[in-house]
């Protein structure tokens, strides 16, 4: 029986875009619901409320990164599928937070673990994508046999 991995789904451009869109929709829905119940807070900074006074500069830096990552995905023929997956997940988080920032003037953070400042799913996406890229970049394997 062949194992199905999400990374196998990002080998073509349409699948990569679909993954990004689905993750953005999930994050946007959770933010709208949380905000509707007044659960959480508006964060005008970046992750964990840092740099709350920089505004437009942060947005521009994030947009430049996302455009660069999108270009890597779209033209990077030799890009490892796990690196491509990591980039898709990071792009999802970044774009979703940009959408929220444009709509509400900040991102809606609603996950509160009490140990760290509150955050949202898009922040988790960015962290997971980065972990996948770092793990793979340092030779990590995801259930694959060494060649």
Protein backbone atom coordinates (compact mmCIF):
# COMPACT_ATOMS: atom_id res chain seq x y z
CA UNK A 1 0.00 0.00 0.00
CA UNK A 2 1.42 3.34 -1.04
CA UNK A 3 1.72 5.97 1.69
CA UNK A 4 0.14 9.33 0.94
CA UNK A 5 2.17 12.30 2.10
CA UNK A 6 1.08 15.92 1.85
CA UNK A 7 4.53 16.64 0.39
CA UNK A 8 3.65 14.45 -2.60
CA UNK A 9 0.76 16.80 -3.35
CA UNK A 10 2.92 19.91 -3.83
CA UNK A 11 4.85 18.57 -6.78
CA UNK A 12 2.76 20.57 -9.22
CA UNK A 13 1.77 24.25 -9.14
CA UNK A 14 -1.99 23.72 -8.96
CA UNK A 15 -1.70 21.48 -5.92
CA UNK A 16 0.63 23.94 -4.20
CA UNK A 17 -1.82 26.79 -4.77
CA UNK A 18 -4.73 24.64 -3.54
CA UNK A 19 -2.88 23.82 -0.31
CA UNK A 20 -2.13 27.51 0.25
CA UNK A 21 -5.77 28.50 -0.38
CA UNK A 22 -7.16 25.80 1.94
CA UNK A 23 -4.81 26.74 4.79
CA UNK A 24 -5.65 30.43 4.37
CA UNK A 25 -9.38 29.68 4.45
CA UNK A 26 -9.03 27.63 7.63
CA UNK A 27 -7.06 30.41 9.33
CA UNK A 28 -9.43 33.16 8.17
CA UNK A 29 -12.50 31.25 9.37
CA UNK A 30 -10.96 30.67 12.82
CA UNK A 31 -10.04 34.36 13.11
CA UNK A 32 -13.52 35.54 12.10
CA UNK A 33 -15.18 33.15 14.56
CA UNK A 34 -12.80 34.07 17.40
CA UNK A 35 -13.25 37.78 16.73
CA UNK A 36 -17.03 37.36 16.49
CA UNK A 37 -17.04 35.92 19.99
CA UNK A 38 -14.58 38.62 21.13
CA UNK A 39 -12.11 35.87 21.95
CA UNK A 40 -8.53 37.05 21.56
CA UNK A 41 -7.01 40.40 20.67
CA UNK A 42 -5.90 42.50 17.73
CA UNK A 43 -2.12 42.38 17.29
CA UNK A 44 -0.67 45.27 15.28
CA UNK A 45 2.87 43.89 15.55
CA UNK A 46 4.44 40.70 14.28
CA UNK A 47 4.55 37.28 15.89
CA UNK A 48 3.88 37.28 19.63
CA UNK A 49 3.12 41.02 19.59
CA UNK A 50 6.69 42.07 18.83
CA UNK A 51 7.40 45.29 16.92
CA UNK A 52 3.84 46.60 17.22
CA UNK A 53 4.86 50.10 16.12
CA UNK A 54 6.50 49.30 12.77
CA UNK A 55 3.27 48.77 10.77
CA UNK A 56 3.79 49.23 7.03
CA UNK A 57 7.48 48.27 7.09
CA UNK A 58 6.67 44.85 8.54
CA UNK A 59 3.93 44.33 5.97
CA UNK A 60 6.31 45.18 3.12
CA UNK A 61 9.04 42.86 4.40
CA UNK A 62 6.54 40.02 4.69
CA UNK A 63 5.21 40.69 1.20
CA UNK A 64 8.72 40.66 -0.30
CA UNK A 65 9.43 37.31 1.38
CA UNK A 66 6.15 35.85 0.14
CA UNK A 67 6.75 36.99 -3.43
CA UNK A 68 10.27 35.50 -3.33
CA UNK A 69 8.94 32.23 -1.89
CA UNK A 70 6.18 32.08 -4.52
CA UNK A 71 8.76 32.56 -7.25
CA UNK A 72 10.83 29.72 -5.81
CA UNK A 73 7.79 27.47 -5.86
CA UNK A 74 6.69 28.44 -9.34
CA UNK A 75 10.08 28.39 -11.08
CA UNK A 76 12.09 26.11 -8.79
CA UNK A 77 12.04 22.94 -10.82
CA UNK A 78 14.65 21.19 -8.69
CA UNK A 79 13.15 22.24 -5.37
CA UNK A 80 12.76 19.31 -2.99
CA UNK A 81 9.10 18.47 -2.40
CA UNK A 82 9.46 18.94 1.36
CA UNK A 83 11.11 22.32 0.91
CA UNK A 84 8.26 23.21 -1.44
CA UNK A 85 5.73 22.03 1.18
CA UNK A 86 7.45 24.09 3.88
CA UNK A 87 7.35 27.16 1.65
CA UNK A 88 3.66 26.60 0.88
CA UNK A 89 2.84 26.41 4.57
CA UNK A 90 4.87 29.56 5.34
CA UNK A 91 3.23 31.40 2.44
CA UNK A 92 -0.20 30.37 3.76
CA UNK A 93 0.54 31.86 7.17
CA UNK A 94 2.08 35.02 5.78
CA UNK A 95 -0.67 35.70 3.26
CA UNK A 96 -3.40 34.97 5.77
CA UNK A 97 -1.91 37.41 8.26
CA UNK A 98 -1.54 40.02 5.49
CA UNK A 99 -5.22 39.58 4.58
CA UNK A 100 -6.24 40.06 8.21
CA UNK A 101 -3.91 43.02 8.62
CA UNK A 102 -5.43 44.71 5.57
CA UNK A 103 -8.99 44.05 6.78
CA UNK A 104 -8.62 44.90 10.47
CA UNK A 105 -5.38 46.88 10.80
CA UNK A 106 -3.66 43.97 12.56
CA UNK A 107 -3.89 40.22 12.97
CA UNK A 108 -6.39 38.57 15.27
CA UNK A 109 -4.59 36.37 17.80
CA UNK A 110 -6.77 33.96 19.73
CA UNK A 111 -4.78 30.89 20.82
CA UNK A 112 -3.74 31.48 24.42
CA UNK A 113 -1.52 28.90 26.09
CA UNK A 114 -0.85 31.27 29.03
CA UNK A 115 2.90 30.49 28.80
CA UNK A 116 3.61 32.74 25.82
CA UNK A 117 1.76 35.66 24.19
CA UNK A 118 -1.35 34.73 22.22
CA UNK A 119 -1.09 33.75 18.55
CA UNK A 120 -3.16 32.33 15.67
CA UNK A 121 -3.09 29.44 13.20
CA UNK A 122 -1.14 31.47 10.64
CA UNK A 123 1.68 31.82 13.18
CA UNK A 124 1.64 28.04 13.62
CA UNK A 125 1.76 27.58 9.83
CA UNK A 126 4.86 29.77 9.62
CA UNK A 127 6.57 27.88 12.44
CA UNK A 128 5.73 24.44 11.01
CA UNK A 129 6.87 25.46 7.52
CA UNK A 130 10.13 26.78 8.91
CA UNK A 131 10.70 23.58 10.91
CA UNK A 132 10.11 21.43 7.81
CA UNK A 133 12.58 23.52 5.80
CA UNK A 134 15.22 23.49 8.55
CA UNK A 135 14.84 19.74 9.17
CA UNK A 136 15.11 18.95 5.49
CA UNK A 137 17.94 21.43 4.89
CA UNK A 138 20.06 19.66 7.49
CA UNK A 139 19.52 16.26 5.87
CA UNK A 140 16.44 15.12 7.77
CA UNK A 141 14.29 12.43 6.17
CA UNK A 142 10.52 12.04 6.46
CA UNK A 143 10.01 8.28 6.45
CA UNK A 144 12.24 7.86 3.42
CA UNK A 145 14.98 5.29 3.06
CA UNK A 146 18.50 6.69 2.83
CA UNK A 147 19.88 6.55 -0.68
